[in-house]
């Protein structure tokens, strides 16, 4: 998938479903995090959209800065360890509510 199509897909998801706002409202159990939960989950969402099969594959894409055009300039992306820690402690009720809203909007 070309970066151009990915950027268009991200803009569509952001405008129609409001994913960015919903992800920023999520929280996890990390103490004094250096990245907000939304910043951690967006690369995971992009990886899921691109059908990356593992977190190691996502790690390679983060190191090669594959997502640099999707974020504002000078935005630091989290490392895979931070993503793992956040995914372990994320609040599942927030994810379930976000999922219900997306399904409702899609219908």
PDB file of N, CA and C in Angstrom:
ATOM      1  N   UNK A   1       0.848  -1.169   0.000  1.00  0.00           N
ATOM      2  CA  UNK A   1       0.000   0.000   0.000  1.00  0.00           C
ATOM      3  C   UNK A   1       0.895   1.233   0.000  1.00  0.00           C
ATOM      4  N   UNK A   2       0.631   2.121  -0.868  1.00  0.00           N
ATOM      5  CA  UNK A   2       1.407   3.343  -0.976  1.00  0.00           C
ATOM      6  C   UNK A   2       1.130   4.244   0.222  1.00  0.00           C
ATOM      7  N   UNK A   3       2.110   5.068   0.566  1.00  0.00           N
ATOM      8  CA  UNK A   3       1.938   6.004   1.672  1.00  0.00           C
ATOM      9  C   UNK A   3       0.790   6.965   1.407  1.00  0.00           C
ATOM     10  N   UNK A   4       0.596   7.323   0.133  1.00  0.00           N
ATOM     11  CA  UNK A   4      -0.475   8.240  -0.225  1.00  0.00           C
ATOM     12  C   UNK A   4      -1.836   7.658   0.160  1.00  0.00           C
ATOM     13  N   UNK A   5      -2.051   6.382  -0.124  1.00  0.00           N
ATOM     14  CA  UNK A   5      -3.310   5.739   0.239  1.00  0.00           C
ATOM     15  C   UNK A   5      -3.457   5.622   1.755  1.00  0.00           C
ATOM     16  N   UNK A   6      -2.375   5.360   2.428  1.00  0.00           N
ATOM     17  CA  UNK A   6      -2.421   5.250   3.887  1.00  0.00           C
ATOM     18  C   UNK A   6      -2.784   6.589   4.513  1.00  0.00           C
ATOM     19  N   UNK A   7      -2.231   7.666   4.001  1.00  0.00           N
ATOM     20  CA  UNK A   7      -2.548   8.999   4.519  1.00  0.00           C
ATOM     21  C   UNK A   7      -4.024   9.315   4.283  1.00  0.00           C
ATOM     22  N   UNK A   8      -4.535   8.965   3.106  1.00  0.00           N
ATOM     23  CA  UNK A   8      -5.958   9.185   2.820  1.00  0.00           C
ATOM     24  C   UNK A   8      -6.836   8.353   3.747  1.00  0.00           C
ATOM     25  N   UNK A   9      -6.435   7.123   4.011  1.00  0.00           N
ATOM     26  CA  UNK A   9      -7.191   6.256   4.916  1.00  0.00           C
ATOM     27  C   UNK A   9      -7.207   6.827   6.328  1.00  0.00           C
ATOM     28  N   UNK A  10      -6.078   7.313   6.781  1.00  0.00           N
ATOM     29  CA  UNK A  10      -5.987   7.883   8.130  1.00  0.00           C
ATOM     30  C   UNK A  10      -6.868   9.129   8.236  1.00  0.00           C
ATOM     31  N   UNK A  11      -6.846   9.978   7.228  1.00  0.00           N
ATOM     32  CA  UNK A  11      -7.694  11.172   7.243  1.00  0.00           C
ATOM     33  C   UNK A  11      -9.172  10.786   7.264  1.00  0.00           C
ATOM     34  N   UNK A  12      -9.538   9.772   6.508  1.00  0.00           N
ATOM     35  CA  UNK A  12     -10.922   9.309   6.484  1.00  0.00           C
ATOM     36  C   UNK A  12     -11.347   8.783   7.852  1.00  0.00           C
ATOM     37  N   UNK A  13     -10.522   7.941   8.431  1.00  0.00           N
ATOM     38  CA  UNK A  13     -10.833   7.371   9.745  1.00  0.00           C
ATOM     39  C   UNK A  13     -10.928   8.477  10.794  1.00  0.00           C
ATOM     40  N   UNK A  14     -10.042   9.439  10.711  1.00  0.00           N
ATOM     41  CA  UNK A  14     -10.033  10.537  11.671  1.00  0.00           C
ATOM     42  C   UNK A  14     -11.277  11.409  11.523  1.00  0.00           C
ATOM     43  N   UNK A  15     -11.655  11.728  10.286  1.00  0.00           N
ATOM     44  CA  UNK A  15     -12.793  12.624  10.064  1.00  0.00           C
ATOM     45  C   UNK A  15     -14.142  11.942  10.288  1.00  0.00           C
ATOM     46  N   UNK A  16     -14.295  10.709   9.831  1.00  0.00           N
ATOM     47  CA  UNK A  16     -15.587  10.044   9.907  1.00  0.00           C
ATOM     48  C   UNK A  16     -15.832   9.432  11.280  1.00  0.00           C
ATOM     49  N   UNK A  17     -14.857   8.716  11.797  1.00  0.00           N
ATOM     50  CA  UNK A  17     -15.052   7.971  13.038  1.00  0.00           C
ATOM     51  C   UNK A  17     -14.512   8.679  14.278  1.00  0.00           C
ATOM     52  N   UNK A  18     -13.722   9.708  14.104  1.00  0.00           N
ATOM     53  CA  UNK A  18     -13.174  10.423  15.249  1.00  0.00           C
ATOM     54  C   UNK A  18     -12.270   9.564  16.115  1.00  0.00           C
ATOM     55  N   UNK A  19     -11.531   8.661  15.482  1.00  0.00           N
ATOM     56  CA  UNK A  19     -10.665   7.730  16.213  1.00  0.00           C
ATOM     57  C   UNK A  19      -9.639   8.471  17.071  1.00  0.00           C
ATOM     58  N   UNK A  20      -9.071   9.520  16.529  1.00  0.00           N
ATOM     59  CA  UNK A  20      -8.024  10.233  17.239  1.00  0.00           C
ATOM     60  C   UNK A  20      -8.532  10.750  18.589  1.00  0.00           C
ATOM     61  N   UNK A  21      -9.715  11.333  18.609  1.00  0.00           N
ATOM     62  CA  UNK A  21     -10.285  11.849  19.863  1.00  0.00           C
ATOM     63  C   UNK A  21     -10.600  10.721  20.833  1.00  0.00           C
ATOM     64  N   UNK A  22     -11.128   9.623  20.315  1.00  0.00           N
ATOM     65  CA  UNK A  22     -11.493   8.497  21.174  1.00  0.00           C
ATOM     66  C   UNK A  22     -10.265   7.824  21.766  1.00  0.00           C
ATOM     67  N   UNK A  23      -9.212   7.694  20.982  1.00  0.00           N
ATOM     68  CA  UNK A  23      -7.984   7.069  21.477  1.00  0.00           C
ATOM     69  C   UNK A  23      -7.331   7.949  22.541  1.00  0.00           C
ATOM     70  N   UNK A  24      -7.394   9.263  22.357  1.00  0.00           N
ATOM     71  CA  UNK A  24      -6.782  10.168  23.339  1.00  0.00           C
ATOM     72  C   UNK A  24      -7.492  10.134  24.684  1.00  0.00           C
ATOM     73  N   UNK A  25      -8.741   9.688  24.725  1.00  0.00           N
ATOM     74  CA  UNK A  25      -9.483   9.599  25.984  1.00  0.00           C
ATOM     75  C   UNK A  25      -9.167   8.321  26.763  1.00  0.00           C
ATOM     76  N   UNK A  26      -8.511   7.349  26.129  1.00  0.00           N
ATOM     77  CA  UNK A  26      -8.198   6.090  26.802  1.00  0.00           C
ATOM     78  C   UNK A  26      -7.082   6.287  27.821  1.00  0.00           C
ATOM     79  N   UNK A  27      -7.051   5.405  28.804  1.00  0.00           N
ATOM     80  CA  UNK A  27      -5.997   5.467  29.820  1.00  0.00           C
ATOM     81  C   UNK A  27      -5.486   4.065  30.111  1.00  0.00           C
ATOM     82  N   UNK A  28      -4.307   4.030  30.690  1.00  0.00           N
ATOM     83  CA  UNK A  28      -3.719   2.753  31.089  1.00  0.00           C
ATOM     84  C   UNK A  28      -3.113   2.916  32.476  1.00  0.00           C
ATOM     85  N   UNK A  29      -2.543   1.858  32.993  1.00  0.00           N
ATOM     86  CA  UNK A  29      -2.065   1.856  34.364  1.00  0.00           C
ATOM     87  C   UNK A  29      -0.604   2.230  34.541  1.00  0.00           C
ATOM     88  N   UNK A  30       0.033   2.780  33.520  1.00  0.00           N
ATOM     89  CA  UNK A  30       1.442   3.135  33.663  1.00  0.00           C
ATOM     90  C   UNK A  30       1.608   4.324  34.603  1.00  0.00           C
ATOM     91  N   UNK A  31       2.689   4.319  35.367  1.00  0.00           N
ATOM     92  CA  UNK A  31       2.989   5.400  36.295  1.00  0.00           C
ATOM     93  C   UNK A  31       3.983   6.341  35.635  1.00  0.00           C
ATOM     94  N   UNK A  32       3.670   7.633  35.636  1.00  0.00           N
ATOM     95  CA  UNK A  32       4.510   8.667  35.016  1.00  0.00           C
ATOM     96  C   UNK A  32       4.920   8.306  33.583  1.00  0.00           C
ATOM     97  N   UNK A  33       3.961   8.117  32.688  1.00  0.00           N
ATOM     98  CA  UNK A  33       4.316   7.728  31.325  1.00  0.00           C
ATOM     99  C   UNK A  33       4.964   8.880  30.558  1.00  0.00           C
ATOM    100  N   UNK A  34       5.919   8.556  29.715  1.00  0.00           N
ATOM    101  CA  UNK A  34       6.539   9.581  28.870  1.00  0.00           C
ATOM    102  C   UNK A  34       5.747   9.783  27.587  1.00  0.00           C
ATOM    103  N   UNK A  35       4.877   8.838  27.251  1.00  0.00           N
ATOM    104  CA  UNK A  35       3.990   8.950  26.102  1.00  0.00           C
ATOM    105  C   UNK A  35       2.551   8.787  26.576  1.00  0.00           C
ATOM    106  N   UNK A  36       1.661   9.568  26.000  1.00  0.00           N
ATOM    107  CA  UNK A  36       0.245   9.409  26.308  1.00  0.00           C
ATOM    108  C   UNK A  36      -0.250   8.105  25.698  1.00  0.00           C
ATOM    109  N   UNK A  37      -1.342   7.600  26.219  1.00  0.00           N
ATOM    110  CA  UNK A  37      -1.888   6.337  25.737  1.00  0.00           C
ATOM    111  C   UNK A  37      -2.252   6.431  24.260  1.00  0.00           C
ATOM    112  N   UNK A  38      -2.776   7.561  23.835  1.00  0.00           N
ATOM    113  CA  UNK A  38      -3.125   7.742  22.428  1.00  0.00           C
ATOM    114  C   UNK A  38      -1.924   7.672  21.507  1.00  0.00           C
ATOM    115  N   UNK A  39      -0.807   8.247  21.937  1.00  0.00           N
ATOM    116  CA  UNK A  39       0.418   8.201  21.139  1.00  0.00           C
ATOM    117  C   UNK A  39       0.945   6.781  21.006  1.00  0.00           C
ATOM    118  N   UNK A  40       0.684   5.965  21.998  1.00  0.00           N
ATOM    119  CA  UNK A  40       1.150   4.587  21.980  1.00  0.00           C
ATOM    120  C   UNK A  40       0.249   3.721  21.102  1.00  0.00           C
ATOM    121  N   UNK A  41      -1.052   3.982  21.142  1.00  0.00           N
ATOM    122  CA  UNK A  41      -1.998   3.132  20.427  1.00  0.00           C
ATOM    123  C   UNK A  41      -2.106   3.444  18.937  1.00  0.00           C
ATOM    124  N   UNK A  42      -1.806   4.647  18.523  1.00  0.00           N
ATOM    125  CA  UNK A  42      -1.917   4.966  17.099  1.00  0.00           C
ATOM    126  C   UNK A  42      -0.994   4.116  16.216  1.00  0.00           C
ATOM    127  N   UNK A  43       0.281   3.926  16.552  1.00  0.00           N
ATOM    128  CA  UNK A  43       1.094   3.025  15.724  1.00  0.00           C
ATOM    129  C   UNK A  43       0.565   1.593  15.707  1.00  0.00           C
ATOM    130  N   UNK A  44      -0.032   1.155  16.822  1.00  0.00           N
ATOM    131  CA  UNK A  44      -0.619  -0.189  16.866  1.00  0.00           C
ATOM    132  C   UNK A  44      -1.808  -0.260  15.909  1.00  0.00           C
ATOM    133  N   UNK A  45      -2.626   0.792  15.894  1.00  0.00           N
ATOM    134  CA  UNK A  45      -3.759   0.838  14.981  1.00  0.00           C
ATOM    135  C   UNK A  45      -3.299   0.825  13.528  1.00  0.00           C
ATOM    136  N   UNK A  46      -2.262   1.583  13.221  1.00  0.00           N
ATOM    137  CA  UNK A  46      -1.731   1.588  11.859  1.00  0.00           C
ATOM    138  C   UNK A  46      -1.171   0.227  11.487  1.00  0.00           C
ATOM    139  N   UNK A  47      -0.465  -0.392  12.422  1.00  0.00           N
ATOM    140  CA  UNK A  47       0.064  -1.734  12.177  1.00  0.00           C
ATOM    141  C   UNK A  47      -1.032  -2.743  11.940  1.00  0.00           C
ATOM    142  N   UNK A  48      -2.110  -2.640  12.707  1.00  0.00           N
ATOM    143  CA  UNK A  48      -3.254  -3.535  12.523  1.00  0.00           C
ATOM    144  C   UNK A  48      -3.896  -3.299  11.159  1.00  0.00           C
ATOM    145  N   UNK A  49      -4.016  -2.030  10.757  1.00  0.00           N
ATOM    146  CA  UNK A  49      -4.609  -1.706   9.458  1.00  0.00           C
ATOM    147  C   UNK A  49      -3.777  -2.254   8.304  1.00  0.00           C
ATOM    148  N   UNK A  50      -2.466  -2.282   8.493  1.00  0.00           N
ATOM    149  CA  UNK A  50      -1.563  -2.781   7.446  1.00  0.00           C
ATOM    150  C   UNK A  50      -1.325  -4.278   7.537  1.00  0.00           C
ATOM    151  N   UNK A  51      -1.984  -4.932   8.502  1.00  0.00           N
ATOM    152  CA  UNK A  51      -1.884  -6.375   8.714  1.00  0.00           C
ATOM    153  C   UNK A  51      -0.458  -6.823   9.067  1.00  0.00           C
ATOM    154  N   UNK A  52       0.194  -6.038   9.890  1.00  0.00           N
ATOM    155  CA  UNK A  52       1.490  -6.450  10.415  1.00  0.00           C
ATOM    156  C   UNK A  52       1.227  -7.579  11.390  1.00  0.00           C
ATOM    157  N   UNK A  53       1.945  -8.675  11.266  1.00  0.00           N
ATOM    158  CA  UNK A  53       1.600  -9.891  11.982  1.00  0.00           C
ATOM    159  C   UNK A  53       2.151  -9.983  13.403  1.00  0.00           C
ATOM    160  N   UNK A  54       3.091  -9.127  13.761  1.00  0.00           N
ATOM    161  CA  UNK A  54       3.650  -9.230  15.102  1.00  0.00           C
ATOM    162  C   UNK A  54       4.129  -7.858  15.572  1.00  0.00           C
ATOM    163  N   UNK A  55       4.381  -7.773  16.865  1.00  0.00           N
ATOM    164  CA  UNK A  55       4.940  -6.535  17.397  1.00  0.00           C
ATOM    165  C   UNK A  55       6.381  -6.337  16.928  1.00  0.00           C
ATOM    166  N   UNK A  56       7.072  -7.419  16.629  1.00  0.00           N
ATOM    167  CA  UNK A  56       8.426  -7.291  16.089  1.00  0.00           C
ATOM    168  C   UNK A  56       8.394  -6.645  14.705  1.00  0.00           C
ATOM    169  N   UNK A  57       7.405  -7.003  13.897  1.00  0.00           N
ATOM    170  CA  UNK A  57       7.243  -6.359  12.595  1.00  0.00           C
ATOM    171  C   UNK A  57       6.916  -4.884  12.741  1.00  0.00           C
ATOM    172  N   UNK A  58       6.073  -4.566  13.730  1.00  0.00           N
ATOM    173  CA  UNK A  58       5.762  -3.166  14.008  1.00  0.00           C
ATOM    174  C   UNK A  58       7.004  -2.426  14.486  1.00  0.00           C
ATOM    175  N   UNK A  59       7.820  -3.091  15.294  1.00  0.00           N
ATOM    176  CA  UNK A  59       9.063  -2.495  15.776  1.00  0.00           C
ATOM    177  C   UNK A  59       9.981  -2.130  14.611  1.00  0.00           C
ATOM    178  N   UNK A  60      10.098  -3.010  13.634  1.00  0.00           N
ATOM    179  CA  UNK A  60      10.927  -2.722  12.457  1.00  0.00           C
ATOM    180  C   UNK A  60      10.403  -1.508  11.703  1.00  0.00           C
ATOM    181  N   UNK A  61       9.078  -1.433  11.572  1.00  0.00           N
ATOM    182  CA  UNK A  61       8.495  -0.289  10.871  1.00  0.00           C
ATOM    183  C   UNK A  61       8.716   1.013  11.644  1.00  0.00           C
ATOM    184  N   UNK A  62       8.651   0.950  12.971  1.00  0.00           N
ATOM    185  CA  UNK A  62       8.899   2.143  13.775  1.00  0.00           C
ATOM    186  C   UNK A  62      10.352   2.586  13.662  1.00  0.00           C
ATOM    187  N   UNK A  63      11.281   1.630  13.660  1.00  0.00           N
ATOM    188  CA  UNK A  63      12.701   1.970  13.547  1.00  0.00           C
ATOM    189  C   UNK A  63      13.042   2.543  12.179  1.00  0.00           C
ATOM    190  N   UNK A  64      12.363   2.059  11.146  1.00  0.00           N
ATOM    191  CA  UNK A  64      12.597   2.561   9.782  1.00  0.00           C
ATOM    192  C   UNK A  64      11.786   3.816   9.482  1.00  0.00           C
ATOM    193  N   UNK A  65      11.050   4.301  10.470  1.00  0.00           N
ATOM    194  CA  UNK A  65      10.253   5.522  10.383  1.00  0.00           C
ATOM    195  C   UNK A  65       9.261   5.472   9.222  1.00  0.00           C
ATOM    196  N   UNK A  66       8.568   4.338   9.115  1.00  0.00           N
ATOM    197  CA  UNK A  66       7.559   4.151   8.073  1.00  0.00           C
ATOM    198  C   UNK A  66       6.345   5.059   8.290  1.00  0.00           C
ATOM    199  N   UNK A  67       6.088   5.446   9.529  1.00  0.00           N
ATOM    200  CA  UNK A  67       4.894   6.225   9.853  1.00  0.00           C
ATOM    201  C   UNK A  67       5.184   7.718   9.991  1.00  0.00           C
ATOM    202  N   UNK A  68       6.337   8.173   9.555  1.00  0.00           N
ATOM    203  CA  UNK A  68       6.724   9.558   9.804  1.00  0.00           C
ATOM    204  C   UNK A  68       5.794  10.563   9.135  1.00  0.00           C
ATOM    205  N   UNK A  69       5.166  10.210   8.018  1.00  0.00           N
ATOM    206  CA  UNK A  69       4.267  11.132   7.330  1.00  0.00           C
ATOM    207  C   UNK A  69       2.882  11.197   7.970  1.00  0.00           C
ATOM    208  N   UNK A  70       2.600  10.302   8.890  1.00  0.00           N
ATOM    209  CA  UNK A  70       1.291  10.255   9.518  1.00  0.00           C
ATOM    210  C   UNK A  70       1.208  11.087  10.795  1.00  0.00           C
ATOM    211  N   UNK A  71       2.345  11.501  11.307  1.00  0.00           N
ATOM    212  CA  UNK A  71       2.397  12.264  12.540  1.00  0.00           C
ATOM    213  C   UNK A  71       2.999  13.639  12.261  1.00  0.00           C
ATOM    214  N   UNK A  72       2.684  14.631  13.107  1.00  0.00           N
ATOM    215  CA  UNK A  72       3.316  15.949  12.935  1.00  0.00           C
ATOM    216  C   UNK A  72       4.842  15.850  13.055  1.00  0.00           C
ATOM    217  N   UNK A  73       5.503  16.816  12.466  1.00  0.00           N
ATOM    218  CA  UNK A  73       6.970  16.822  12.506  1.00  0.00           C
ATOM    219  C   UNK A  73       7.478  16.869  13.939  1.00  0.00           C
ATOM    220  N   UNK A  74       8.624  16.278  14.134  1.00  0.00           N
ATOM    221  CA  UNK A  74       9.319  16.214  15.427  1.00  0.00           C
ATOM    222  C   UNK A  74       8.516  15.478  16.494  1.00  0.00           C
ATOM    223  N   UNK A  75       7.579  14.635  16.077  1.00  0.00           N
ATOM    224  CA  UNK A  75       6.848  13.810  17.026  1.00  0.00           C
ATOM    225  C   UNK A  75       7.638  12.536  17.258  1.00  0.00           C
ATOM    226  N   UNK A  76       7.953  12.269  18.516  1.00  0.00           N
ATOM    227  CA  UNK A  76       8.653  11.029  18.840  1.00  0.00           C
ATOM    228  C   UNK A  76       7.641   9.900  18.912  1.00  0.00           C
ATOM    229  N   UNK A  77       7.987   8.783  18.332  1.00  0.00           N
ATOM    230  CA  UNK A  77       7.131   7.607  18.414  1.00  0.00           C
ATOM    231  C   UNK A  77       7.661   6.682  19.503  1.00  0.00           C
ATOM    232  N   UNK A  78       6.774   5.996  20.190  1.00  0.00           N
ATOM    233  CA  UNK A  78       7.215   5.119  21.281  1.00  0.00           C
ATOM    234  C   UNK A  78       7.940   3.894  20.754  1.00  0.00           C
ATOM    235  N   UNK A  79       8.808   3.354  21.591  1.00  0.00           N
ATOM    236  CA  UNK A  79       9.479   2.104  21.263  1.00  0.00           C
ATOM    237  C   UNK A  79       8.550   0.941  21.578  1.00  0.00           C
ATOM    238  N   UNK A  80       8.888  -0.221  21.105  1.00  0.00           N
ATOM    239  CA  UNK A  80       8.020  -1.387  21.237  1.00  0.00           C
ATOM    240  C   UNK A  80       7.837  -1.789  22.702  1.00  0.00           C
ATOM    241  N   UNK A  81       8.815  -1.548  23.549  1.00  0.00           N
ATOM    242  CA  UNK A  81       8.678  -1.862  24.979  1.00  0.00           C
ATOM    243  C   UNK A  81       7.577  -1.013  25.624  1.00  0.00           C
ATOM    244  N   UNK A  82       7.527   0.251  25.253  1.00  0.00           N
ATOM    245  CA  UNK A  82       6.487   1.134  25.764  1.00  0.00           C
ATOM    246  C   UNK A  82       5.118   0.673  25.280  1.00  0.00           C
ATOM    247  N   UNK A  83       5.039   0.252  24.034  1.00  0.00           N
ATOM    248  CA  UNK A  83       3.777  -0.235  23.481  1.00  0.00           C
ATOM    249  C   UNK A  83       3.323  -1.482  24.230  1.00  0.00           C
ATOM    250  N   UNK A  84       4.235  -2.405  24.482  1.00  0.00           N
ATOM    251  CA  UNK A  84       3.883  -3.621  25.227  1.00  0.00           C
ATOM    252  C   UNK A  84       3.373  -3.297  26.627  1.00  0.00           C
ATOM    253  N   UNK A  85       4.087  -2.410  27.329  1.00  0.00           N
ATOM    254  CA  UNK A  85       3.678  -2.043  28.690  1.00  0.00           C
ATOM    255  C   UNK A  85       2.297  -1.402  28.697  1.00  0.00           C
ATOM    256  N   UNK A  86       2.033  -0.563  27.719  1.00  0.00           N
ATOM    257  CA  UNK A  86       0.741   0.098  27.647  1.00  0.00           C
ATOM    258  C   UNK A  86      -0.372  -0.891  27.316  1.00  0.00           C
ATOM    259  N   UNK A  87      -0.117  -1.804  26.396  1.00  0.00           N
ATOM    260  CA  UNK A  87      -1.134  -2.783  26.019  1.00  0.00           C
ATOM    261  C   UNK A  87      -1.444  -3.747  27.164  1.00  0.00           C
ATOM    262  N   UNK A  88      -0.459  -4.002  28.019  1.00  0.00           N
ATOM    263  CA  UNK A  88      -0.689  -4.882  29.169  1.00  0.00           C
ATOM    264  C   UNK A  88      -1.623  -4.259  30.185  1.00  0.00           C
ATOM    265  N   UNK A  89      -1.579  -2.937  30.317  1.00  0.00           N
ATOM    266  CA  UNK A  89      -2.301  -2.288  31.406  1.00  0.00           C
ATOM    267  C   UNK A  89      -3.425  -1.366  30.944  1.00  0.00           C
ATOM    268  N   UNK A  90      -3.828  -1.458  29.690  1.00  0.00           N
ATOM    269  CA  UNK A  90      -4.859  -0.541  29.182  1.00  0.00           C
ATOM    270  C   UNK A  90      -6.224  -0.880  29.768  1.00  0.00           C
ATOM    271  N   UNK A  91      -7.031   0.127  29.925  1.00  0.00           N
ATOM    272  CA  UNK A  91      -8.377  -0.027  30.472  1.00  0.00           C
ATOM    273  C   UNK A  91      -9.299  -0.581  29.375  1.00  0.00           C
ATOM    274  N   UNK A  92      -9.798  -1.793  29.583  1.00  0.00           N
ATOM    275  CA  UNK A  92     -10.575  -2.485  28.548  1.00  0.00           C
ATOM    276  C   UNK A  92     -11.973  -1.916  28.368  1.00  0.00           C
ATOM    277  N   UNK A  93     -12.542  -1.322  29.400  1.00  0.00           N
ATOM    278  CA  UNK A  93     -13.882  -0.753  29.241  1.00  0.00           C
ATOM    279  C   UNK A  93     -13.867   0.420  28.263  1.00  0.00           C
ATOM    280  N   UNK A  94     -12.806   1.195  28.285  1.00  0.00           N
ATOM    281  CA  UNK A  94     -12.674   2.301  27.331  1.00  0.00           C
ATOM    282  C   UNK A  94     -12.572   1.797  25.903  1.00  0.00           C
ATOM    283  N   UNK A  95     -11.822   0.725  25.702  1.00  0.00           N
ATOM    284  CA  UNK A  95     -11.721   0.129  24.365  1.00  0.00           C
ATOM    285  C   UNK A  95     -13.062  -0.433  23.902  1.00  0.00           C
ATOM    286  N   UNK A  96     -13.799  -1.059  24.815  1.00  0.00           N
ATOM    287  CA  UNK A  96     -15.100  -1.618  24.455  1.00  0.00           C
ATOM    288  C   UNK A  96     -16.075  -0.508  24.064  1.00  0.00           C
ATOM    289  N   UNK A  97     -16.067   0.587  24.802  1.00  0.00           N
ATOM    290  CA  UNK A  97     -16.945   1.712  24.466  1.00  0.00           C
ATOM    291  C   UNK A  97     -16.560   2.335  23.128  1.00  0.00           C
ATOM    292  N   UNK A  98     -15.279   2.446  22.884  1.00  0.00           N
ATOM    293  CA  UNK A  98     -14.818   2.986  21.606  1.00  0.00           C
ATOM    294  C   UNK A  98     -15.256   2.072  20.462  1.00  0.00           C
ATOM    295  N   UNK A  99     -15.135   0.773  20.654  1.00  0.00           N
ATOM    296  CA  UNK A  99     -15.531  -0.201  19.647  1.00  0.00           C
ATOM    297  C   UNK A  99     -17.030  -0.118  19.353  1.00  0.00           C
ATOM    298  N   UNK A 100     -17.835   0.011  20.395  1.00  0.00           N
ATOM    299  CA  UNK A 100     -19.289   0.144  20.213  1.00  0.00           C
ATOM    300  C   UNK A 100     -19.636   1.386  19.406  1.00  0.00           C
ATOM    301  N   UNK A 101     -18.951   2.494  19.685  1.00  0.00           N
ATOM    302  CA  UNK A 101     -19.200   3.728  18.957  1.00  0.00           C
ATOM    303  C   UNK A 101     -18.838   3.617  17.484  1.00  0.00           C
ATOM    304  N   UNK A 102     -17.730   2.944  17.196  1.00  0.00           N
ATOM    305  CA  UNK A 102     -17.299   2.773  15.808  1.00  0.00           C
ATOM    306  C   UNK A 102     -18.287   1.890  15.055  1.00  0.00           C
ATOM    307  N   UNK A 103     -18.730   0.817  15.686  1.00  0.00           N
ATOM    308  CA  UNK A 103     -19.688  -0.093  15.044  1.00  0.00           C
ATOM    309  C   UNK A 103     -21.011   0.627  14.801  1.00  0.00           C
ATOM    310  N   UNK A 104     -21.460   1.408  15.777  1.00  0.00           N
ATOM    311  CA  UNK A 104     -22.704   2.163  15.637  1.00  0.00           C
ATOM    312  C   UNK A 104     -22.613   3.143  14.475  1.00  0.00           C
ATOM    313  N   UNK A 105     -21.482   3.833  14.362  1.00  0.00           N
ATOM    314  CA  UNK A 105     -21.272   4.792  13.275  1.00  0.00           C
ATOM    315  C   UNK A 105     -21.222   4.088  11.920  1.00  0.00           C
ATOM    316  N   UNK A 106     -20.589   2.928  11.878  1.00  0.00           N
ATOM    317  CA  UNK A 106     -20.466   2.175  10.621  1.00  0.00           C
ATOM    318  C   UNK A 106     -21.828   1.686  10.137  1.00  0.00           C
ATOM    319  N   UNK A 107     -22.679   1.287  11.081  1.00  0.00           N
ATOM    320  CA  UNK A 107     -24.014   0.804  10.706  1.00  0.00           C
ATOM    321  C   UNK A 107     -24.854   1.956  10.219  1.00  0.00           C
TER     322      UNK A 107
END
